[in-house]
Structures are given as C-alpha cells and as structure tokens.
Amino acid sequence: MDLIRCPCHGVLPKCAGTGSRSFRHAVMRVRYFPASAVVVMALFVLMSGWMANPSAAQDEVVSALPVVTVDQLELKKKGLGRSKKLAGVIEDLAAESVVFRRNSGTPEVIPLKEIAAIRFQKSPEYESGLKHLEAFAWSEAVVQLTQALSTEQRPWVIREIRASIAESCRALGRYEEGIRMMEQILESDPDSRHILMLPLVWDERIPEHQRFAGRVVDLASDSVARQLVAATSLLHLDSHQQQAEAVLRSLKRNGRGSMGAVVEMQLWRLQLLRPGELRILAVEQWQERLKEFRRELRAPGEFLVGRALTELHEYDRAIPAFLWMPLLAPLDPATTAAALGEAAEAAKHAGRNSEANRLQREQQDWLSRTNVVQP
C-alpha cells in the first residue's frame, strides 16, 4: 500500500495530489451569504456562464467559507474482485478511520484498514514538502510544510501536515519542535495513529547524541506526549526505571488504538533490559500480537522481537524481524540504521557471511543517504 508522505512514517495511504486534472478544483469564495443563497448562486453560475469574466469573479475572493474538494478513496480488494473507488469529501481523518461523505450526502465511517489509497487536493507547498521528505531533505521539508500549514483550512489535513513536520524534526534532532507539533495533533485526535512521529527511544544502546534525552520532570507533565517520550528515554536507567515504568503502565490503562499499542511494545523493553528473564514463549506471544497491528505500527515491535531473539541465540529468526523496519516502515534514521546493523550481526552469527556483508553495505548506504547532524 502506498504512503501519503515518505516510507519513513508510512501511516496514511499515499495521495495522488493535484497532478491529475480531474482533482484540480478552482475554489471560488464569496462574501458572507446564507447557505441557501450560496447554493442558488452556484446554480446560477453553472447555468448562465457568469464566470466568462474570471477577472471580475476574482474580485470577490474574500470569504472564509470552507474549501470544497473532491476526494477519492480506493478500497482494498475483497477476494478476487476489483478494488472499489469512492468519490466524495473527506470530512475527517482521525485515529484509525475516515469520515467520508459521498454524493448521497450521508457521511460514513470507513476504517483505514479497509482503504488501499487516499487521494486529495494538496497545495504546491504541501506537495513540495512531501517530496523533500521523501528525499531525506528534512530542513527543506520543514520550510515547505510550515508554509503549507499557514494556508491550510481543513483540520484533518492540518494534522497530516503537522505529522510530516514532526517526522522531519525527529530526523533533524529538533525534538522539542516535533513534540510541540504532536501535542497539537493529540489535542484534536488523542488516539492519533501518528504517535510514532514522537522521538521515542526503542534502543537505549544508540549513542546519546542520536536519540532523545528525556527529563524526569516530564514524567509528571500534563502532556501525554511528554510523559511518553520521557518514559521511553528514561526506562533503561536504574535510577528512573520504576517511575518510567509506572508512567507507561498508566498510559497503557488509559490508551487506545495506536497509543495503547505503542505503550504495550515499550513495556516489552523491560524484558530486554533484564535478559535473564527472557523466554522464547513470551517472544512468540509478542509476534502473535504484532500480527494485529498495521504495518507501520508493527515496525518497532518487530525490532524488539529481533533484539529478543538475538539474546536467545535465535539468529535466523531474528533477521527478518530486524528487516521489517528498514524494508517496510523506517522510523528515525538512527533506529533504522540500528535495525540494519543488528540484522547484519545476526546473519554473521548464523554463518550467513555474504548476507551479513550485504546488510552492512546497506546500513552504510542508509547512513550516507540520511546524513543528519544531530545536536
């Protein structure tokens, strides 16, 4: 399934953007009229050809009416049938579902797991920002996406843009800026599937300058986002592990959807921090649980499974777990590089030297393509 932004976050099915002529829509805004008057005016425009003088119409672009777009959903195939395409308007995109209104005018809620692709109109700045994001040009992406944010009116699109900015900031090591973006997303979508855009720590062995360093004070923050990032970054420290674990368990009790899944996976790290307690049965239970998650959400969990299998000397089984992230849903550059490096080490331990060498080359290539100066 295609993605909306770049493979690094891979949350939302990819949008075709405004490249197709059928999805380019000139939006006329008018002064403040009652809704009925606007409908009458629109019919008059279509029937009389009043827009023959576009320059005159442009003088009336002063209203704050919401932008009207024609969006498209492509549903996944069922069985041997063809994929189904729906045209209409996306009224909301939050948590794990889309509120979609077709021409019938009746809104319906469609789970994201049933959708293969989403296409909607994007501004040139938004398009440019996504292209920079795909090319690992994160600084340029932030500039373009910030400009896109300043002109966007659709609340659900604003959340998508903010998630892309948070992803770019995470890669750049501009953690505070990214956390603020995520806090704004969570205000209107507390079960946001974008939760992985936070600078969460999945491997405490990554050098300190390449991962987020949380503050103890944030464990008691009013912000759920700050509680979570602080707990993940402090969980491996003996002096703060008990506090961090308590925060994670509290978030797990209250969390749903993506938030609940992320916290659940973070709690698995406790067994990695106490390798003597690891049991293959528990790891296999993790693997079964991950089958319930969508592809992008599954990536960090597979990485933890790979680490656990390596501790248990199950090297052949660890390799595909480590490769899930770099091949299907990369996270931040450092964690993805760690996954490639761990896969190479597992291959080496399994006696698969040619594969180990290839994976080491891929890790070096990834590092060179995602060369970010960390703070």
Protein backbone atom coordinates (compact mmCIF):
# COMPACT_ATOMS: atom_id res chain seq x y z
CA MET A 1 0.00 0.00 0.00
CA ASP A 2 1.34 3.40 -0.98
CA LEU A 3 2.02 6.03 1.65
CA ILE A 4 1.00 9.64 1.99
CA ARG A 5 4.43 11.02 2.75
CA CYS A 6 7.64 9.03 2.66
CA PRO A 7 8.45 5.48 3.64
CA CYS A 8 9.77 6.84 6.93
CA HIS A 9 6.44 7.24 8.53
CA GLY A 10 4.20 5.21 6.31
CA VAL A 11 0.98 5.84 8.14
CA LEU A 12 -1.55 7.01 5.63
CA PRO A 13 -2.07 5.60 2.11
CA LYS A 14 -0.41 7.80 -0.47
CA CYS A 15 -2.31 10.62 -2.13
CA ALA A 16 -2.09 11.34 -5.81
CA GLY A 17 -2.01 15.04 -5.05
CA THR A 18 -3.07 17.63 -7.57
CA GLY A 19 -1.28 16.19 -10.57
CA SER A 20 -4.47 14.82 -12.11
CA ARG A 21 -6.56 17.42 -13.89
CA SER A 22 -9.71 15.82 -12.51
CA PHE A 23 -8.57 16.66 -9.00
CA ARG A 24 -7.69 20.28 -9.64
CA HIS A 25 -10.53 22.46 -8.43
CA ALA A 26 -10.74 26.24 -8.66
CA VAL A 27 -12.44 27.32 -5.44
CA MET A 28 -14.48 30.49 -5.58
CA ARG A 29 -15.05 32.24 -2.27
CA VAL A 30 -17.81 34.78 -1.81
CA ARG A 31 -18.86 37.21 0.84
CA TYR A 32 -20.90 36.03 3.82
CA PHE A 33 -24.16 34.71 2.40
CA PRO A 34 -26.72 32.37 3.97
CA ALA A 35 -26.17 28.77 2.90
CA SER A 36 -29.30 28.77 0.72
CA ALA A 37 -28.14 31.88 -1.10
CA VAL A 38 -24.77 30.27 -1.81
CA VAL A 39 -26.49 27.24 -3.37
CA VAL A 40 -28.67 29.45 -5.55
CA MET A 41 -25.64 31.46 -6.63
CA ALA A 42 -23.72 28.29 -7.50
CA LEU A 43 -26.59 27.04 -9.69
CA PHE A 44 -26.84 30.42 -11.36
CA VAL A 45 -23.10 30.34 -12.11
CA LEU A 46 -23.27 26.91 -13.70
CA MET A 47 -26.34 27.64 -15.81
CA SER A 48 -25.65 31.14 -17.03
CA GLY A 49 -21.94 31.14 -17.74
CA TRP A 50 -21.46 34.11 -15.45
CA MET A 51 -17.82 33.07 -14.98
CA ALA A 52 -17.00 34.12 -18.52
CA ASN A 53 -15.26 37.10 -16.97
CA PRO A 54 -12.91 35.42 -14.44
CA SER A 55 -11.17 38.64 -13.50
CA ALA A 56 -14.43 40.08 -12.21
CA ALA A 57 -15.09 36.95 -10.18
CA GLN A 58 -11.64 37.07 -8.62
CA ASP A 59 -12.52 40.40 -7.05
CA GLU A 60 -14.98 38.52 -4.83
CA VAL A 61 -12.39 36.17 -3.23
CA VAL A 62 -12.92 37.40 0.29
CA SER A 63 -15.00 34.81 2.12
CA ALA A 64 -13.94 32.39 4.85
CA LEU A 65 -16.18 29.57 3.63
CA PRO A 66 -14.53 26.13 3.94
CA VAL A 67 -12.60 24.82 0.96
CA VAL A 68 -14.62 22.33 -1.11
CA THR A 69 -12.68 19.43 -2.58
CA VAL A 70 -13.41 16.22 -4.38
CA ASP A 71 -11.51 13.42 -2.64
CA GLN A 72 -11.17 9.79 -3.57
CA LEU A 73 -10.85 6.60 -1.57
CA GLU A 74 -9.69 3.36 -3.10
CA LEU A 75 -10.89 0.41 -1.06
CA LYS A 76 -8.89 -2.78 -0.79
CA LYS A 77 -9.87 -5.72 -2.93
CA LYS A 78 -12.13 -8.32 -1.41
CA GLY A 79 -11.34 -11.78 -2.63
CA LEU A 80 -10.79 -11.87 -6.38
CA GLY A 81 -12.83 -8.75 -7.03
CA ARG A 82 -11.55 -5.37 -8.19
CA SER A 83 -10.70 -2.53 -5.88
CA LYS A 84 -13.53 -0.04 -5.45
CA LYS A 85 -13.12 3.72 -5.79
CA LEU A 86 -15.32 6.21 -3.98
CA ALA A 87 -15.56 9.91 -4.83
CA GLY A 88 -16.71 12.47 -2.31
CA VAL A 89 -15.38 14.61 0.52
CA ILE A 90 -13.24 13.56 3.47
CA GLU A 91 -14.82 15.26 6.45
CA ASP A 92 -12.36 13.86 8.99
CA LEU A 93 -9.40 11.54 9.24
CA ALA A 94 -8.62 10.64 12.83
CA ALA A 95 -7.48 7.67 14.87
CA GLU A 96 -7.97 4.64 12.60
CA SER A 97 -10.85 5.74 10.39
CA VAL A 98 -12.06 8.19 7.76
CA VAL A 99 -15.36 10.08 7.86
CA PHE A 100 -16.33 10.20 4.20
CA ARG A 101 -19.34 11.80 2.52
CA ARG A 102 -20.24 10.60 -0.94
CA ASN A 103 -22.55 12.36 -3.35
CA SER A 104 -25.50 10.91 -1.46
CA GLY A 105 -24.66 13.34 1.33
CA THR A 106 -24.69 10.71 4.07
CA PRO A 107 -21.38 10.57 5.99
CA GLU A 108 -19.96 7.12 6.65
CA VAL A 109 -17.07 5.96 8.81
CA ILE A 110 -14.60 3.75 6.95
CA PRO A 111 -11.76 2.01 8.83
CA LEU A 112 -8.31 2.75 7.43
CA LYS A 113 -7.57 -0.97 7.30
CA GLU A 114 -10.15 -1.24 4.50
CA ILE A 115 -8.55 1.53 2.42
CA ALA A 116 -5.78 0.97 -0.11
CA ALA A 117 -5.24 4.61 -1.11
CA ILE A 118 -6.47 8.11 -0.35
CA ARG A 119 -6.29 10.96 -2.83
CA PHE A 120 -6.99 14.57 -2.02
CA GLN A 121 -6.07 18.04 -3.12
CA LYS A 122 -2.83 19.41 -1.70
CA SER A 123 -1.24 22.83 -2.03
CA PRO A 124 2.00 23.22 -4.02
CA GLU A 125 3.87 23.82 -0.74
CA TYR A 126 2.49 20.62 0.74
CA GLU A 127 3.47 18.66 -2.38
CA SER A 128 6.95 20.18 -2.29
CA GLY A 129 7.34 19.40 1.40
CA LEU A 130 6.45 15.75 0.85
CA LYS A 131 8.95 15.47 -1.99
CA HIS A 132 11.69 16.88 0.22
CA LEU A 133 10.68 14.45 2.95
CA GLU A 134 10.94 11.51 0.58
CA ALA A 135 14.41 12.71 -0.45
CA PHE A 136 15.57 12.98 3.20
CA ALA A 137 15.88 16.76 2.75
CA TRP A 138 14.32 17.36 6.13
CA SER A 139 15.23 21.00 6.64
CA GLU A 140 13.72 21.96 3.31
CA ALA A 141 10.69 19.82 4.10
CA VAL A 142 10.06 21.72 7.33
CA VAL A 143 10.19 25.06 5.48
CA GLN A 144 7.73 23.99 2.79
CA LEU A 145 5.39 22.16 5.16
CA THR A 146 5.31 25.13 7.52
CA GLN A 147 4.23 27.32 4.62
CA ALA A 148 1.57 24.78 3.70
CA LEU A 149 0.33 24.79 7.28
CA SER A 150 -0.21 28.54 7.21
CA THR A 151 -2.73 28.35 4.37
CA GLU A 152 -4.48 25.05 5.03
CA GLN A 153 -8.05 25.19 6.39
CA ARG A 154 -9.10 21.53 6.66
CA PRO A 155 -8.47 20.36 10.26
CA TRP A 156 -7.63 16.80 9.29
CA VAL A 157 -5.13 17.95 6.64
CA ILE A 158 -3.56 20.29 9.20
CA ARG A 159 -2.92 17.24 11.38
CA GLU A 160 -1.33 15.40 8.44
CA ILE A 161 0.97 18.34 7.72
CA ARG A 162 1.94 18.64 11.38
CA ALA A 163 2.77 14.93 11.45
CA SER A 164 5.10 15.37 8.49
CA ILE A 165 6.76 18.31 10.23
CA ALA A 166 7.14 16.23 13.40
CA GLU A 167 8.73 13.44 11.36
CA SER A 168 11.21 15.85 9.79
CA CYS A 169 12.05 17.40 13.16
CA ARG A 170 12.63 13.95 14.64
CA ALA A 171 15.14 13.18 11.90
CA LEU A 172 16.85 16.54 12.38
CA GLY A 173 17.12 16.12 16.14
CA ARG A 174 14.82 19.13 16.64
CA TYR A 175 12.94 17.15 19.22
CA GLU A 176 11.22 19.94 21.11
CA GLU A 177 9.71 21.35 17.92
CA GLY A 178 8.47 17.92 16.89
CA ILE A 179 6.93 17.23 20.29
CA ARG A 180 5.02 20.51 20.12
CA MET A 181 3.63 19.52 16.74
CA MET A 182 2.50 16.19 18.13
CA GLU A 183 0.91 17.85 21.15
CA GLN A 184 -1.21 19.95 18.78
CA ILE A 185 -2.24 16.84 16.87
CA LEU A 186 -3.21 14.99 20.05
CA GLU A 187 -5.38 17.89 21.21
CA SER A 188 -7.91 17.16 18.46
CA ASP A 189 -7.06 13.50 17.84
CA PRO A 190 -5.98 11.87 21.14
CA ASP A 191 -5.90 8.42 19.53
CA SER A 192 -3.78 9.64 16.62
CA ARG A 193 -2.09 6.98 14.52
CA HIS A 194 0.79 9.46 14.16
CA ILE A 195 2.07 8.68 17.67
CA LEU A 196 5.23 7.10 16.21
CA MET A 197 6.28 10.51 14.95
CA LEU A 198 7.33 11.32 18.52
CA PRO A 199 11.07 10.86 19.21
CA LEU A 200 10.52 7.63 21.14
CA VAL A 201 13.52 5.58 22.23
CA TRP A 202 13.42 1.96 21.07
CA ASP A 203 17.09 1.14 21.58
CA GLU A 204 18.91 2.63 24.54
CA ARG A 205 22.23 1.49 23.04
CA ILE A 206 22.03 4.09 20.28
CA PRO A 207 24.53 6.92 21.01
CA GLU A 208 23.06 9.63 23.20
CA HIS A 209 23.53 12.35 20.59
CA GLN A 210 21.31 10.38 18.19
CA ARG A 211 18.31 9.85 20.46
CA PHE A 212 16.01 11.90 22.61
CA ALA A 213 17.06 12.58 26.21
CA GLY A 214 14.01 12.95 28.42
CA ARG A 215 13.65 14.95 31.59
CA VAL A 216 12.46 13.39 34.83
CA VAL A 217 10.12 16.33 35.41
CA ASP A 218 8.22 15.44 32.21
CA LEU A 219 7.11 12.14 33.72
CA ALA A 220 4.57 14.21 35.66
CA SER A 221 3.70 16.53 32.76
CA ASP A 222 0.11 17.33 31.83
CA SER A 223 1.10 16.46 28.27
CA VAL A 224 0.65 12.79 27.36
CA ALA A 225 3.22 13.22 24.59
CA ARG A 226 5.85 14.48 27.02
CA GLN A 227 5.10 11.75 29.51
CA LEU A 228 5.56 9.13 26.82
CA VAL A 229 8.81 10.42 25.32
CA ALA A 230 10.29 10.95 28.78
CA ALA A 231 9.33 7.45 29.94
CA THR A 232 10.82 5.78 26.85
CA SER A 233 14.09 7.66 27.21
CA LEU A 234 14.46 7.01 30.95
CA LEU A 235 13.25 3.41 31.10
CA HIS A 236 16.73 1.89 30.87
CA LEU A 237 18.16 3.94 33.75
CA ASP A 238 18.12 2.17 37.10
CA SER A 239 17.60 5.46 38.90
CA HIS A 240 14.39 6.26 36.99
CA GLN A 241 13.16 2.92 35.68
CA GLN A 242 10.49 2.47 38.33
CA GLN A 243 9.00 5.91 37.65
CA ALA A 244 9.16 5.45 33.90
CA GLU A 245 7.52 2.04 34.11
CA ALA A 246 4.72 3.44 36.27
CA VAL A 247 4.03 6.15 33.69
CA LEU A 248 3.94 3.62 30.86
CA ARG A 249 1.55 1.36 32.75
CA SER A 250 -0.71 4.33 33.47
CA LEU A 251 -0.69 5.30 29.80
CA LYS A 252 -1.43 1.69 28.87
CA ARG A 253 -4.54 1.64 31.07
CA ASN A 254 -5.85 4.82 29.51
CA GLY A 255 -4.53 4.44 25.98
CA ARG A 256 -6.43 3.14 22.99
CA GLY A 257 -5.55 2.38 19.41
CA SER A 258 -2.06 3.37 18.36
CA MET A 259 -1.20 4.92 21.72
CA GLY A 260 -2.09 1.73 23.57
CA ALA A 261 -0.11 -0.39 21.12
CA VAL A 262 3.00 1.80 21.37
CA VAL A 263 2.95 1.72 25.16
CA GLU A 264 2.43 -2.04 25.13
CA MET A 265 5.51 -2.50 22.94
CA GLN A 266 7.55 -0.16 25.11
CA LEU A 267 6.78 -2.32 28.14
CA TRP A 268 8.32 -5.27 26.29
CA ARG A 269 11.62 -3.43 26.60
CA LEU A 270 11.65 -4.24 30.31
CA GLN A 271 12.37 -7.87 29.47
CA LEU A 272 15.15 -6.81 27.12
CA LEU A 273 16.66 -4.82 29.97
CA ARG A 274 16.53 -8.00 32.07
CA PRO A 275 17.73 -10.57 29.52
CA GLY A 276 17.89 -13.32 32.10
CA GLU A 277 14.09 -13.18 32.27
CA LEU A 278 13.58 -13.59 28.52
CA ARG A 279 11.67 -16.67 27.41
CA ILE A 280 11.02 -17.79 23.83
CA LEU A 281 7.33 -18.33 24.61
CA ALA A 282 6.94 -14.67 25.58
CA VAL A 283 8.66 -13.50 22.41
CA GLU A 284 6.41 -15.71 20.30
CA GLN A 285 3.44 -14.12 22.04
CA TRP A 286 4.81 -10.73 21.02
CA GLN A 287 4.95 -11.93 17.43
CA GLU A 288 1.34 -13.09 17.51
CA ARG A 289 0.27 -9.77 18.99
CA LEU A 290 2.10 -7.83 16.27
CA LYS A 291 0.03 -9.56 13.59
CA GLU A 292 -2.89 -7.48 14.83
CA PHE A 293 -1.07 -4.18 14.19
CA ARG A 294 -0.91 -2.32 10.91
CA ARG A 295 2.40 -2.45 9.06
CA GLU A 296 3.83 0.87 10.23
CA LEU A 297 2.88 0.39 13.86
CA ARG A 298 4.37 -3.08 13.77
CA ALA A 299 7.89 -1.92 12.84
CA PRO A 300 9.30 -1.04 16.30
CA GLY A 301 7.74 -4.16 17.79
CA GLU A 302 9.47 -6.35 15.20
CA PHE A 303 12.72 -4.59 16.06
CA LEU A 304 12.23 -5.53 19.73
CA VAL A 305 11.41 -9.10 18.71
CA GLY A 306 14.68 -9.20 16.77
CA ARG A 307 16.61 -7.99 19.79
CA ALA A 308 14.97 -10.62 21.99
CA LEU A 309 15.60 -13.46 19.52
CA THR A 310 19.24 -12.40 19.30
CA GLU A 311 19.53 -12.60 23.08
CA LEU A 312 18.09 -16.12 22.85
CA HIS A 313 20.56 -17.00 20.04
CA GLU A 314 17.74 -17.46 17.53
CA TYR A 315 19.70 -15.62 14.86
CA ASP A 316 17.96 -16.92 11.74
CA ARG A 317 14.59 -15.91 13.17
CA ALA A 318 15.92 -12.53 14.26
CA ILE A 319 16.99 -11.42 10.77
CA PRO A 320 13.51 -10.95 9.21
CA ALA A 321 12.31 -9.23 12.38
CA PHE A 322 15.14 -6.69 12.14
CA LEU A 323 14.49 -6.14 8.43
CA TRP A 324 10.81 -5.30 8.90
CA MET A 325 11.59 -1.69 9.76
CA PRO A 326 14.12 -0.77 7.03
CA LEU A 327 12.23 -2.63 4.32
CA LEU A 328 8.63 -1.76 5.14
CA ALA A 329 8.35 1.11 7.60
CA PRO A 330 11.52 3.02 8.50
CA LEU A 331 11.46 5.09 11.69
CA ASP A 332 14.04 7.72 12.56
CA PRO A 333 17.41 7.36 10.79
CA ALA A 334 19.33 6.16 13.85
CA THR A 335 16.87 3.42 14.82
CA THR A 336 16.54 2.21 11.25
CA ALA A 337 20.31 2.10 10.90
CA ALA A 338 20.47 0.11 14.15
CA ALA A 339 17.97 -2.39 12.73
CA LEU A 340 20.14 -2.92 9.64
CA GLY A 341 23.24 -3.28 11.78
CA GLU A 342 21.56 -5.81 14.07
CA ALA A 343 20.34 -7.80 11.05
CA ALA A 344 23.92 -7.91 9.72
CA GLU A 345 25.24 -9.12 13.10
CA ALA A 346 22.54 -11.79 13.32
CA ALA A 347 23.42 -13.00 9.82
CA LYS A 348 27.07 -13.17 10.80
CA HIS A 349 26.26 -15.24 13.91
CA ALA A 350 24.12 -17.52 11.76
CA GLY A 351 27.07 -18.15 9.44
CA ARG A 352 25.47 -16.27 6.54
CA ASN A 353 28.52 -14.14 5.80
CA SER A 354 27.59 -12.97 2.31
CA GLU A 355 24.23 -11.77 3.59
CA ALA A 356 25.91 -10.11 6.54
CA ASN A 357 28.25 -8.21 4.21
CA ARG A 358 25.35 -7.11 2.04
CA LEU A 359 23.40 -5.85 5.04
CA GLN A 360 26.43 -3.94 6.29
CA ARG A 361 26.69 -2.23 2.90
CA GLU A 362 23.01 -1.36 3.06
CA GLN A 363 23.48 0.10 6.51
CA GLN A 364 26.32 2.29 5.28
CA ASP A 365 24.25 3.38 2.30
CA TRP A 366 21.37 4.28 4.62
CA LEU A 367 23.68 6.28 6.85
CA SER A 368 25.10 8.17 3.90
CA ARG A 369 21.66 8.99 2.47
CA THR A 370 20.28 10.13 5.81
CA ASN A 371 23.29 12.11 6.93
CA VAL A 372 21.86 14.35 9.64
CA VAL A 373 23.89 16.46 12.03
CA GLN A 374 22.44 15.63 15.43
CA PRO A 375 22.55 18.14 18.33
